[in-house]
């Protein structure tokens, strides 16, 4: 039997980071696989069950890629938080103001 060699991870263009790592042939990001396992407590088998286009090898390769590049991902996460904070300062949410302006006429919000 011939061993299988598969390229599991590929880099594709990203608007915010230049490039992002995804499972080859999909749009599923390495960082998403990491979050599903480490943050949400999913198992690799559960992920493969939810995304049948993935293999266990894909999921484990994504985690290996993440841990091999952990410092880069932490910097990206910090940058995303900074961008979000900048965006909130430039474009504050309007809903709280609309709720404050709401009068006693039920759900109507003055325009």
PDB file of N, CA and C in Angstrom:
ATOM      1  N   UNK A   1       0.843  -1.182   0.000  1.00  0.00           N
ATOM      2  CA  UNK A   1       0.000   0.000   0.000  1.00  0.00           C
ATOM      3  C   UNK A   1       0.886   1.243   0.000  1.00  0.00           C
ATOM      4  N   UNK A   2       0.546   2.198  -0.830  1.00  0.00           N
ATOM      5  CA  UNK A   2       1.309   3.430  -0.951  1.00  0.00           C
ATOM      6  C   UNK A   2       0.814   4.453   0.062  1.00  0.00           C
ATOM      7  N   UNK A   3       1.731   5.073   0.816  1.00  0.00           N
ATOM      8  CA  UNK A   3       1.292   6.084   1.777  1.00  0.00           C
ATOM      9  C   UNK A   3       0.671   7.288   1.061  1.00  0.00           C
ATOM     10  N   UNK A   4      -0.260   7.931   1.741  1.00  0.00           N
ATOM     11  CA  UNK A   4      -0.945   9.101   1.202  1.00  0.00           C
ATOM     12  C   UNK A   4      -0.225  10.356   1.668  1.00  0.00           C
ATOM     13  N   UNK A   5       0.076  11.232   0.733  1.00  0.00           N
ATOM     14  CA  UNK A   5       0.649  12.531   1.063  1.00  0.00           C
ATOM     15  C   UNK A   5      -0.329  13.585   0.577  1.00  0.00           C
ATOM     16  N   UNK A   6      -0.787  14.429   1.493  1.00  0.00           N
ATOM     17  CA  UNK A   6      -1.800  15.421   1.159  1.00  0.00           C
ATOM     18  C   UNK A   6      -1.382  16.788   1.670  1.00  0.00           C
ATOM     19  N   UNK A   7      -1.585  17.787   0.833  1.00  0.00           N
ATOM     20  CA  UNK A   7      -1.385  19.171   1.254  1.00  0.00           C
ATOM     21  C   UNK A   7      -2.685  19.618   1.909  1.00  0.00           C
ATOM     22  N   UNK A   8      -2.709  19.694   3.229  1.00  0.00           N
ATOM     23  CA  UNK A   8      -3.938  20.006   3.955  1.00  0.00           C
ATOM     24  C   UNK A   8      -4.222  21.500   4.069  1.00  0.00           C
ATOM     25  N   UNK A   9      -3.178  22.312   4.125  1.00  0.00           N
ATOM     26  CA  UNK A   9      -3.333  23.744   4.395  1.00  0.00           C
ATOM     27  C   UNK A   9      -2.840  24.540   3.197  1.00  0.00           C
ATOM     28  N   UNK A  10      -3.592  25.585   2.847  1.00  0.00           N
ATOM     29  CA  UNK A  10      -3.129  26.496   1.804  1.00  0.00           C
ATOM     30  C   UNK A  10      -3.330  27.930   2.274  1.00  0.00           C
ATOM     31  N   UNK A  11      -2.516  28.822   1.734  1.00  0.00           N
ATOM     32  CA  UNK A  11      -2.622  30.241   2.061  1.00  0.00           C
ATOM     33  C   UNK A  11      -3.367  30.939   0.930  1.00  0.00           C
ATOM     34  N   UNK A  12      -4.372  31.729   1.306  1.00  0.00           N
ATOM     35  CA  UNK A  12      -5.168  32.478   0.328  1.00  0.00           C
ATOM     36  C   UNK A  12      -5.164  33.949   0.733  1.00  0.00           C
ATOM     37  N   UNK A  13      -5.436  34.851  -0.211  1.00  0.00           N
ATOM     38  CA  UNK A  13      -5.437  36.285   0.123  1.00  0.00           C
ATOM     39  C   UNK A  13      -6.461  36.624   1.209  1.00  0.00           C
ATOM     40  N   UNK A  14      -6.090  37.580   2.060  1.00  0.00           N
ATOM     41  CA  UNK A  14      -6.964  38.058   3.131  1.00  0.00           C
ATOM     42  C   UNK A  14      -6.953  39.580   3.126  1.00  0.00           C
ATOM     43  N   UNK A  15      -8.121  40.171   3.247  1.00  0.00           N
ATOM     44  CA  UNK A  15      -8.219  41.634   3.233  1.00  0.00           C
ATOM     45  C   UNK A  15      -7.542  42.265   4.444  1.00  0.00           C
ATOM     46  N   UNK A  16      -7.565  41.582   5.591  1.00  0.00           N
ATOM     47  CA  UNK A  16      -7.026  42.196   6.810  1.00  0.00           C
ATOM     48  C   UNK A  16      -5.610  41.761   7.149  1.00  0.00           C
ATOM     49  N   UNK A  17      -5.192  40.577   6.702  1.00  0.00           N
ATOM     50  CA  UNK A  17      -3.888  40.068   7.133  1.00  0.00           C
ATOM     51  C   UNK A  17      -2.948  39.725   5.981  1.00  0.00           C
ATOM     52  N   UNK A  18      -3.300  40.074   4.764  1.00  0.00           N
ATOM     53  CA  UNK A  18      -2.455  39.721   3.635  1.00  0.00           C
ATOM     54  C   UNK A  18      -2.749  38.318   3.140  1.00  0.00           C
ATOM     55  N   UNK A  19      -2.576  37.339   4.018  1.00  0.00           N
ATOM     56  CA  UNK A  19      -2.882  35.949   3.696  1.00  0.00           C
ATOM     57  C   UNK A  19      -3.533  35.285   4.893  1.00  0.00           C
ATOM     58  N   UNK A  20      -4.357  34.282   4.617  1.00  0.00           N
ATOM     59  CA  UNK A  20      -4.925  33.487   5.705  1.00  0.00           C
ATOM     60  C   UNK A  20      -4.778  32.016   5.343  1.00  0.00           C
ATOM     61  N   UNK A  21      -4.596  31.206   6.363  1.00  0.00           N
ATOM     62  CA  UNK A  21      -4.459  29.767   6.169  1.00  0.00           C
ATOM     63  C   UNK A  21      -5.835  29.123   6.245  1.00  0.00           C
ATOM     64  N   UNK A  22      -6.151  28.311   5.235  1.00  0.00           N
ATOM     65  CA  UNK A  22      -7.428  27.597   5.189  1.00  0.00           C
ATOM     66  C   UNK A  22      -7.161  26.127   4.910  1.00  0.00           C
ATOM     67  N   UNK A  23      -8.164  25.297   5.205  1.00  0.00           N
ATOM     68  CA  UNK A  23      -8.090  23.898   4.800  1.00  0.00           C
ATOM     69  C   UNK A  23      -8.110  23.891   3.272  1.00  0.00           C
ATOM     70  N   UNK A  24      -7.172  23.212   2.643  1.00  0.00           N
ATOM     71  CA  UNK A  24      -7.052  23.204   1.187  1.00  0.00           C
ATOM     72  C   UNK A  24      -8.375  22.828   0.527  1.00  0.00           C
ATOM     73  N   UNK A  25      -8.753  23.620  -0.476  1.00  0.00           N
ATOM     74  CA  UNK A  25      -9.972  23.349  -1.222  1.00  0.00           C
ATOM     75  C   UNK A  25     -11.249  23.807  -0.543  1.00  0.00           C
ATOM     76  N   UNK A  26     -11.130  24.503   0.596  1.00  0.00           N
ATOM     77  CA  UNK A  26     -12.303  25.005   1.317  1.00  0.00           C
ATOM     78  C   UNK A  26     -12.061  26.463   1.686  1.00  0.00           C
ATOM     79  N   UNK A  27     -13.051  27.060   2.319  1.00  0.00           N
ATOM     80  CA  UNK A  27     -12.875  28.408   2.875  1.00  0.00           C
ATOM     81  C   UNK A  27     -12.817  28.349   4.398  1.00  0.00           C
ATOM     82  N   UNK A  28     -12.659  27.161   4.960  1.00  0.00           N
ATOM     83  CA  UNK A  28     -12.621  26.997   6.418  1.00  0.00           C
ATOM     84  C   UNK A  28     -11.226  27.362   6.913  1.00  0.00           C
ATOM     85  N   UNK A  29     -11.183  28.394   7.763  1.00  0.00           N
ATOM     86  CA  UNK A  29      -9.906  28.906   8.236  1.00  0.00           C
ATOM     87  C   UNK A  29      -9.327  28.038   9.353  1.00  0.00           C
ATOM     88  N   UNK A  30      -8.006  28.000   9.398  1.00  0.00           N
ATOM     89  CA  UNK A  30      -7.294  27.311  10.475  1.00  0.00           C
ATOM     90  C   UNK A  30      -7.727  27.874  11.819  1.00  0.00           C
ATOM     91  N   UNK A  31      -7.857  29.186  11.918  1.00  0.00           N
ATOM     92  CA  UNK A  31      -8.225  29.824  13.183  1.00  0.00           C
ATOM     93  C   UNK A  31      -9.628  29.393  13.623  1.00  0.00           C
ATOM     94  N   UNK A  32     -10.523  29.098  12.668  1.00  0.00           N
ATOM     95  CA  UNK A  32     -11.859  28.610  13.027  1.00  0.00           C
ATOM     96  C   UNK A  32     -11.781  27.215  13.640  1.00  0.00           C
ATOM     97  N   UNK A  33     -10.972  26.347  13.039  1.00  0.00           N
ATOM     98  CA  UNK A  33     -10.789  24.994  13.588  1.00  0.00           C
ATOM     99  C   UNK A  33     -10.266  25.102  15.015  1.00  0.00           C
ATOM    100  N   UNK A  34      -9.265  25.959  15.212  1.00  0.00           N
ATOM    101  CA  UNK A  34      -8.697  26.151  16.551  1.00  0.00           C
ATOM    102  C   UNK A  34      -9.770  26.604  17.539  1.00  0.00           C
ATOM    103  N   UNK A  35     -10.587  27.581  17.149  1.00  0.00           N
ATOM    104  CA  UNK A  35     -11.628  28.094  18.051  1.00  0.00           C
ATOM    105  C   UNK A  35     -12.647  27.014  18.374  1.00  0.00           C
ATOM    106  N   UNK A  36     -13.051  26.233  17.386  1.00  0.00           N
ATOM    107  CA  UNK A  36     -14.043  25.181  17.640  1.00  0.00           C
ATOM    108  C   UNK A  36     -13.523  24.161  18.649  1.00  0.00           C
ATOM    109  N   UNK A  37     -12.234  23.869  18.580  1.00  0.00           N
ATOM    110  CA  UNK A  37     -11.663  22.868  19.492  1.00  0.00           C
ATOM    111  C   UNK A  37     -11.319  23.484  20.843  1.00  0.00           C
ATOM    112  N   UNK A  38     -10.545  24.557  20.836  1.00  0.00           N
ATOM    113  CA  UNK A  38     -10.010  25.110  22.081  1.00  0.00           C
ATOM    114  C   UNK A  38     -11.007  25.975  22.852  1.00  0.00           C
ATOM    115  N   UNK A  39     -11.862  26.694  22.152  1.00  0.00           N
ATOM    116  CA  UNK A  39     -12.795  27.605  22.822  1.00  0.00           C
ATOM    117  C   UNK A  39     -14.141  26.929  23.061  1.00  0.00           C
ATOM    118  N   UNK A  40     -14.631  26.235  22.049  1.00  0.00           N
ATOM    119  CA  UNK A  40     -15.976  25.657  22.129  1.00  0.00           C
ATOM    120  C   UNK A  40     -15.990  24.189  22.552  1.00  0.00           C
ATOM    121  N   UNK A  41     -14.813  23.584  22.716  1.00  0.00           N
ATOM    122  CA  UNK A  41     -14.739  22.221  23.230  1.00  0.00           C
ATOM    123  C   UNK A  41     -15.173  21.133  22.261  1.00  0.00           C
ATOM    124  N   UNK A  42     -15.178  21.433  20.964  1.00  0.00           N
ATOM    125  CA  UNK A  42     -15.554  20.429  19.969  1.00  0.00           C
ATOM    126  C   UNK A  42     -14.403  19.450  19.787  1.00  0.00           C
ATOM    127  N   UNK A  43     -14.710  18.242  19.378  1.00  0.00           N
ATOM    128  CA  UNK A  43     -13.672  17.262  19.066  1.00  0.00           C
ATOM    129  C   UNK A  43     -13.435  17.267  17.556  1.00  0.00           C
ATOM    130  N   UNK A  44     -12.263  16.805  17.112  1.00  0.00           N
ATOM    131  CA  UNK A  44     -12.039  16.700  15.666  1.00  0.00           C
ATOM    132  C   UNK A  44     -13.118  15.864  14.969  1.00  0.00           C
ATOM    133  N   UNK A  45     -13.552  14.784  15.588  1.00  0.00           N
ATOM    134  CA  UNK A  45     -14.603  13.950  14.972  1.00  0.00           C
ATOM    135  C   UNK A  45     -15.919  14.715  14.841  1.00  0.00           C
ATOM    136  N   UNK A  46     -16.260  15.537  15.821  1.00  0.00           N
ATOM    137  CA  UNK A  46     -17.482  16.345  15.725  1.00  0.00           C
ATOM    138  C   UNK A  46     -17.383  17.344  14.572  1.00  0.00           C
ATOM    139  N   UNK A  47     -16.212  17.931  14.408  1.00  0.00           N
ATOM    140  CA  UNK A  47     -16.017  18.892  13.319  1.00  0.00           C
ATOM    141  C   UNK A  47     -16.160  18.198  11.971  1.00  0.00           C
ATOM    142  N   UNK A  48     -15.552  17.022  11.831  1.00  0.00           N
ATOM    143  CA  UNK A  48     -15.667  16.262  10.577  1.00  0.00           C
ATOM    144  C   UNK A  48     -17.114  15.847  10.336  1.00  0.00           C
ATOM    145  N   UNK A  49     -17.825  15.526  11.387  1.00  0.00           N
ATOM    146  CA  UNK A  49     -19.240  15.170  11.250  1.00  0.00           C
ATOM    147  C   UNK A  49     -20.053  16.367  10.746  1.00  0.00           C
ATOM    148  N   UNK A  50     -19.736  17.563  11.246  1.00  0.00           N
ATOM    149  CA  UNK A  50     -20.437  18.777  10.823  1.00  0.00           C
ATOM    150  C   UNK A  50     -20.011  19.247   9.430  1.00  0.00           C
ATOM    151  N   UNK A  51     -18.786  18.960   9.061  1.00  0.00           N
ATOM    152  CA  UNK A  51     -18.234  19.386   7.769  1.00  0.00           C
ATOM    153  C   UNK A  51     -17.668  18.159   7.055  1.00  0.00           C
ATOM    154  N   UNK A  52     -18.524  17.375   6.406  1.00  0.00           N
ATOM    155  CA  UNK A  52     -18.083  16.105   5.816  1.00  0.00           C
ATOM    156  C   UNK A  52     -17.037  16.257   4.714  1.00  0.00           C
ATOM    157  N   UNK A  53     -16.835  17.468   4.211  1.00  0.00           N
ATOM    158  CA  UNK A  53     -15.786  17.666   3.215  1.00  0.00           C
ATOM    159  C   UNK A  53     -14.397  17.626   3.856  1.00  0.00           C
ATOM    160  N   UNK A  54     -14.343  17.696   5.184  1.00  0.00           N
ATOM    161  CA  UNK A  54     -13.071  17.635   5.907  1.00  0.00           C
ATOM    162  C   UNK A  54     -12.754  16.212   6.313  1.00  0.00           C
ATOM    163  N   UNK A  55     -11.470  15.958   6.502  1.00  0.00           N
ATOM    164  CA  UNK A  55     -11.017  14.680   7.050  1.00  0.00           C
ATOM    165  C   UNK A  55     -10.408  14.946   8.423  1.00  0.00           C
ATOM    166  N   UNK A  56     -10.230  13.881   9.183  1.00  0.00           N
ATOM    167  CA  UNK A  56      -9.532  14.047  10.466  1.00  0.00           C
ATOM    168  C   UNK A  56      -8.130  14.599  10.233  1.00  0.00           C
ATOM    169  N   UNK A  57      -7.499  14.167   9.150  1.00  0.00           N
ATOM    170  CA  UNK A  57      -6.177  14.691   8.809  1.00  0.00           C
ATOM    171  C   UNK A  57      -6.196  16.196   8.597  1.00  0.00           C
ATOM    172  N   UNK A  58      -7.256  16.697   7.936  1.00  0.00           N
ATOM    173  CA  UNK A  58      -7.391  18.144   7.730  1.00  0.00           C
ATOM    174  C   UNK A  58      -7.460  18.879   9.063  1.00  0.00           C
ATOM    175  N   UNK A  59      -8.295  18.366   9.964  1.00  0.00           N
ATOM    176  CA  UNK A  59      -8.499  19.029  11.257  1.00  0.00           C
ATOM    177  C   UNK A  59      -7.208  19.007  12.077  1.00  0.00           C
ATOM    178  N   UNK A  60      -6.548  17.870  12.119  1.00  0.00           N
ATOM    179  CA  UNK A  60      -5.296  17.783  12.881  1.00  0.00           C
ATOM    180  C   UNK A  60      -4.197  18.629  12.232  1.00  0.00           C
ATOM    181  N   UNK A  61      -4.176  18.676  10.899  1.00  0.00           N
ATOM    182  CA  UNK A  61      -3.192  19.523  10.213  1.00  0.00           C
ATOM    183  C   UNK A  61      -3.438  20.993  10.535  1.00  0.00           C
ATOM    184  N   UNK A  62      -4.712  21.385  10.609  1.00  0.00           N
ATOM    185  CA  UNK A  62      -5.040  22.773  10.956  1.00  0.00           C
ATOM    186  C   UNK A  62      -4.534  23.107  12.354  1.00  0.00           C
ATOM    187  N   UNK A  63      -4.743  22.195  13.292  1.00  0.00           N
ATOM    188  CA  UNK A  63      -4.274  22.446  14.658  1.00  0.00           C
ATOM    189  C   UNK A  63      -2.747  22.489  14.710  1.00  0.00           C
ATOM    190  N   UNK A  64      -2.090  21.617  13.964  1.00  0.00           N
ATOM    191  CA  UNK A  64      -0.629  21.639  13.913  1.00  0.00           C
ATOM    192  C   UNK A  64      -0.146  22.966  13.341  1.00  0.00           C
ATOM    193  N   UNK A  65      -0.779  23.404  12.260  1.00  0.00           N
ATOM    194  CA  UNK A  65      -0.407  24.680  11.647  1.00  0.00           C
ATOM    195  C   UNK A  65      -0.617  25.824  12.642  1.00  0.00           C
ATOM    196  N   UNK A  66      -1.747  25.794  13.352  1.00  0.00           N
ATOM    197  CA  UNK A  66      -2.017  26.847  14.338  1.00  0.00           C
ATOM    198  C   UNK A  66      -0.913  26.879  15.395  1.00  0.00           C
ATOM    199  N   UNK A  67      -0.601  25.733  15.996  1.00  0.00           N
ATOM    200  CA  UNK A  67       0.384  25.716  17.078  1.00  0.00           C
ATOM    201  C   UNK A  67       1.779  26.052  16.568  1.00  0.00           C
ATOM    202  N   UNK A  68       2.091  25.692  15.315  1.00  0.00           N
ATOM    203  CA  UNK A  68       3.385  26.070  14.742  1.00  0.00           C
ATOM    204  C   UNK A  68       3.478  27.576  14.511  1.00  0.00           C
ATOM    205  N   UNK A  69       2.337  28.236  14.408  1.00  0.00           N
ATOM    206  CA  UNK A  69       2.293  29.674  14.109  1.00  0.00           C
ATOM    207  C   UNK A  69       1.513  30.455  15.163  1.00  0.00           C
ATOM    208  N   UNK A  70       1.508  29.980  16.386  1.00  0.00           N
ATOM    209  CA  UNK A  70       0.690  30.566  17.451  1.00  0.00           C
ATOM    210  C   UNK A  70       0.984  32.053  17.669  1.00  0.00           C
ATOM    211  N   UNK A  71       2.248  32.438  17.674  1.00  0.00           N
ATOM    212  CA  UNK A  71       2.598  33.845  17.922  1.00  0.00           C
ATOM    213  C   UNK A  71       1.984  34.747  16.854  1.00  0.00           C
ATOM    214  N   UNK A  72       2.017  34.307  15.599  1.00  0.00           N
ATOM    215  CA  UNK A  72       1.426  35.092  14.518  1.00  0.00           C
ATOM    216  C   UNK A  72      -0.080  35.237  14.731  1.00  0.00           C
ATOM    217  N   UNK A  73      -0.750  34.146  15.119  1.00  0.00           N
ATOM    218  CA  UNK A  73      -2.195  34.202  15.330  1.00  0.00           C
ATOM    219  C   UNK A  73      -2.554  35.104  16.512  1.00  0.00           C
ATOM    220  N   UNK A  74      -1.735  35.099  17.541  1.00  0.00           N
ATOM    221  CA  UNK A  74      -1.997  35.986  18.679  1.00  0.00           C
ATOM    222  C   UNK A  74      -1.865  37.446  18.263  1.00  0.00           C
ATOM    223  N   UNK A  75      -0.860  37.755  17.442  1.00  0.00           N
ATOM    224  CA  UNK A  75      -0.704  39.130  16.938  1.00  0.00           C
ATOM    225  C   UNK A  75      -1.905  39.522  16.075  1.00  0.00           C
ATOM    226  N   UNK A  76      -2.364  38.596  15.226  1.00  0.00           N
ATOM    227  CA  UNK A  76      -3.528  38.882  14.385  1.00  0.00           C
ATOM    228  C   UNK A  76      -4.762  39.156  15.235  1.00  0.00           C
ATOM    229  N   UNK A  77      -4.940  38.374  16.278  1.00  0.00           N
ATOM    230  CA  UNK A  77      -6.091  38.549  17.163  1.00  0.00           C
ATOM    231  C   UNK A  77      -6.024  39.916  17.843  1.00  0.00           C
ATOM    232  N   UNK A  78      -4.853  40.285  18.326  1.00  0.00           N
ATOM    233  CA  UNK A  78      -4.685  41.595  18.955  1.00  0.00           C
ATOM    234  C   UNK A  78      -4.987  42.709  17.958  1.00  0.00           C
ATOM    235  N   UNK A  79      -4.537  42.549  16.717  1.00  0.00           N
ATOM    236  CA  UNK A  79      -4.782  43.556  15.684  1.00  0.00           C
ATOM    237  C   UNK A  79      -6.278  43.663  15.381  1.00  0.00           C
ATOM    238  N   UNK A  80      -6.978  42.529  15.333  1.00  0.00           N
ATOM    239  CA  UNK A  80      -8.420  42.552  15.085  1.00  0.00           C
ATOM    240  C   UNK A  80      -9.158  43.298  16.197  1.00  0.00           C
ATOM    241  N   UNK A  81      -8.725  43.109  17.439  1.00  0.00           N
ATOM    242  CA  UNK A  81      -9.338  43.825  18.564  1.00  0.00           C
ATOM    243  C   UNK A  81      -9.083  45.324  18.416  1.00  0.00           C
ATOM    244  N   UNK A  82      -7.855  45.697  18.048  1.00  0.00           N
ATOM    245  CA  UNK A  82      -7.532  47.114  17.844  1.00  0.00           C
ATOM    246  C   UNK A  82      -8.401  47.715  16.739  1.00  0.00           C
ATOM    247  N   UNK A  83      -8.546  46.996  15.623  1.00  0.00           N
ATOM    248  CA  UNK A  83      -9.362  47.495  14.509  1.00  0.00           C
ATOM    249  C   UNK A  83     -10.821  47.652  14.921  1.00  0.00           C
ATOM    250  N   UNK A  84     -11.312  46.704  15.712  1.00  0.00           N
ATOM    251  CA  UNK A  84     -12.695  46.789  16.184  1.00  0.00           C
ATOM    252  C   UNK A  84     -12.881  48.018  17.078  1.00  0.00           C
ATOM    253  N   UNK A  85     -11.933  48.252  17.983  1.00  0.00           N
ATOM    254  CA  UNK A  85     -12.021  49.416  18.868  1.00  0.00           C
ATOM    255  C   UNK A  85     -11.959  50.719  18.072  1.00  0.00           C
ATOM    256  N   UNK A  86     -11.068  50.765  17.071  1.00  0.00           N
ATOM    257  CA  UNK A  86     -10.985  51.956  16.225  1.00  0.00           C
ATOM    258  C   UNK A  86     -12.307  52.179  15.493  1.00  0.00           C
ATOM    259  N   UNK A  87     -12.882  51.110  14.991  1.00  0.00           N
ATOM    260  CA  UNK A  87     -14.157  51.203  14.283  1.00  0.00           C
ATOM    261  C   UNK A  87     -15.276  51.703  15.176  1.00  0.00           C
ATOM    262  N   UNK A  88     -15.302  51.240  16.418  1.00  0.00           N
ATOM    263  CA  UNK A  88     -16.337  51.696  17.361  1.00  0.00           C
ATOM    264  C   UNK A  88     -16.187  53.183  17.671  1.00  0.00           C
ATOM    265  N   UNK A  89     -14.936  53.661  17.725  1.00  0.00           N
ATOM    266  CA  UNK A  89     -14.718  55.089  17.975  1.00  0.00           C
ATOM    267  C   UNK A  89     -15.157  55.924  16.772  1.00  0.00           C
ATOM    268  N   UNK A  90     -14.829  55.444  15.574  1.00  0.00           N
ATOM    269  CA  UNK A  90     -15.193  56.180  14.362  1.00  0.00           C
ATOM    270  C   UNK A  90     -16.684  56.094  14.063  1.00  0.00           C
ATOM    271  N   UNK A  91     -17.259  54.933  14.317  1.00  0.00           N
ATOM    272  CA  UNK A  91     -18.667  54.685  13.990  1.00  0.00           C
ATOM    273  C   UNK A  91     -19.373  54.082  15.199  1.00  0.00           C
ATOM    274  N   UNK A  92     -19.683  54.898  16.206  1.00  0.00           N
ATOM    275  CA  UNK A  92     -20.330  54.363  17.408  1.00  0.00           C
ATOM    276  C   UNK A  92     -21.707  53.793  17.065  1.00  0.00           C
ATOM    277  N   UNK A  93     -22.143  52.785  17.814  1.00  0.00           N
ATOM    278  CA  UNK A  93     -23.457  52.197  17.542  1.00  0.00           C
ATOM    279  C   UNK A  93     -24.565  53.222  17.750  1.00  0.00           C
ATOM    280  N   UNK A  94     -25.562  53.184  16.876  1.00  0.00           N
ATOM    281  CA  UNK A  94     -26.652  54.153  16.948  1.00  0.00           C
ATOM    282  C   UNK A  94     -27.834  53.632  17.751  1.00  0.00           C
ATOM    283  N   UNK A  95     -27.925  52.349  17.944  1.00  0.00           N
ATOM    284  CA  UNK A  95     -29.080  51.780  18.630  1.00  0.00           C
ATOM    285  C   UNK A  95     -29.259  52.324  20.045  1.00  0.00           C
ATOM    286  N   UNK A  96     -28.216  52.409  20.888  1.00  0.00           N
ATOM    287  CA  UNK A  96     -28.440  52.951  22.241  1.00  0.00           C
ATOM    288  C   UNK A  96     -29.027  54.360  22.218  1.00  0.00           C
ATOM    289  N   UNK A  97     -28.564  55.218  21.298  1.00  0.00           N
ATOM    290  CA  UNK A  97     -29.123  56.574  21.196  1.00  0.00           C
ATOM    291  C   UNK A  97     -30.584  56.528  20.782  1.00  0.00           C
ATOM    292  N   UNK A  98     -30.913  55.656  19.850  1.00  0.00           N
ATOM    293  CA  UNK A  98     -32.296  55.543  19.384  1.00  0.00           C
ATOM    294  C   UNK A  98     -33.201  55.081  20.516  1.00  0.00           C
ATOM    295  N   UNK A  99     -32.719  54.181  21.335  1.00  0.00           N
ATOM    296  CA  UNK A  99     -33.518  53.693  22.466  1.00  0.00           C
ATOM    297  C   UNK A  99     -33.730  54.818  23.473  1.00  0.00           C
ATOM    298  N   UNK A 100     -32.680  55.605  23.740  1.00  0.00           N
ATOM    299  CA  UNK A 100     -32.802  56.733  24.673  1.00  0.00           C
ATOM    300  C   UNK A 100     -33.789  57.772  24.159  1.00  0.00           C
ATOM    301  N   UNK A 101     -33.793  57.998  22.851  1.00  0.00           N
ATOM    302  CA  UNK A 101     -34.680  59.005  22.267  1.00  0.00           C
ATOM    303  C   UNK A 101     -36.122  58.519  22.180  1.00  0.00           C
ATOM    304  N   UNK A 102     -36.323  57.224  22.314  1.00  0.00           N
ATOM    305  CA  UNK A 102     -37.671  56.681  22.151  1.00  0.00           C
ATOM    306  C   UNK A 102     -38.606  57.313  23.175  1.00  0.00           C
ATOM    307  N   UNK A 103     -39.723  57.746  22.711  1.00  0.00           N
ATOM    308  CA  UNK A 103     -40.701  58.361  23.606  1.00  0.00           C
ATOM    309  C   UNK A 103     -41.611  57.307  24.208  1.00  0.00           C
ATOM    310  N   UNK A 104     -42.760  57.724  24.634  1.00  0.00           N
ATOM    311  CA  UNK A 104     -43.735  56.814  25.230  1.00  0.00           C
ATOM    312  C   UNK A 104     -44.685  56.236  24.195  1.00  0.00           C
ATOM    313  N   UNK A 105     -44.347  56.326  22.919  1.00  0.00           N
ATOM    314  CA  UNK A 105     -45.257  55.805  21.910  1.00  0.00           C
ATOM    315  C   UNK A 105     -44.825  54.417  21.436  1.00  0.00           C
ATOM    316  N   UNK A 106     -44.626  53.523  22.374  1.00  0.00           N
ATOM    317  CA  UNK A 106     -44.383  52.111  22.061  1.00  0.00           C
ATOM    318  C   UNK A 106     -43.058  51.870  21.382  1.00  0.00           C
ATOM    319  N   UNK A 107     -43.113  51.133  20.286  1.00  0.00           N
ATOM    320  CA  UNK A 107     -41.902  50.725  19.587  1.00  0.00           C
ATOM    321  C   UNK A 107     -41.454  51.729  18.537  1.00  0.00           C
ATOM    322  N   UNK A 108     -42.158  52.818  18.397  1.00  0.00           N
ATOM    323  CA  UNK A 108     -41.785  53.790  17.375  1.00  0.00           C
ATOM    324  C   UNK A 108     -40.522  54.519  17.799  1.00  0.00           C
ATOM    325  N   UNK A 109     -39.570  54.581  16.872  1.00  0.00           N
ATOM    326  CA  UNK A 109     -38.324  55.296  17.115  1.00  0.00           C
ATOM    327  C   UNK A 109     -38.314  56.496  16.191  1.00  0.00           C
ATOM    328  N   UNK A 110     -38.186  57.711  16.734  1.00  0.00           N
ATOM    329  CA  UNK A 110     -38.160  58.894  15.869  1.00  0.00           C
ATOM    330  C   UNK A 110     -36.978  58.828  14.914  1.00  0.00           C
ATOM    331  N   UNK A 111     -37.182  59.315  13.704  1.00  0.00           N
ATOM    332  CA  UNK A 111     -36.083  59.285  12.739  1.00  0.00           C
ATOM    333  C   UNK A 111     -35.342  60.590  12.674  1.00  0.00           C
TER     334      UNK A 111
END
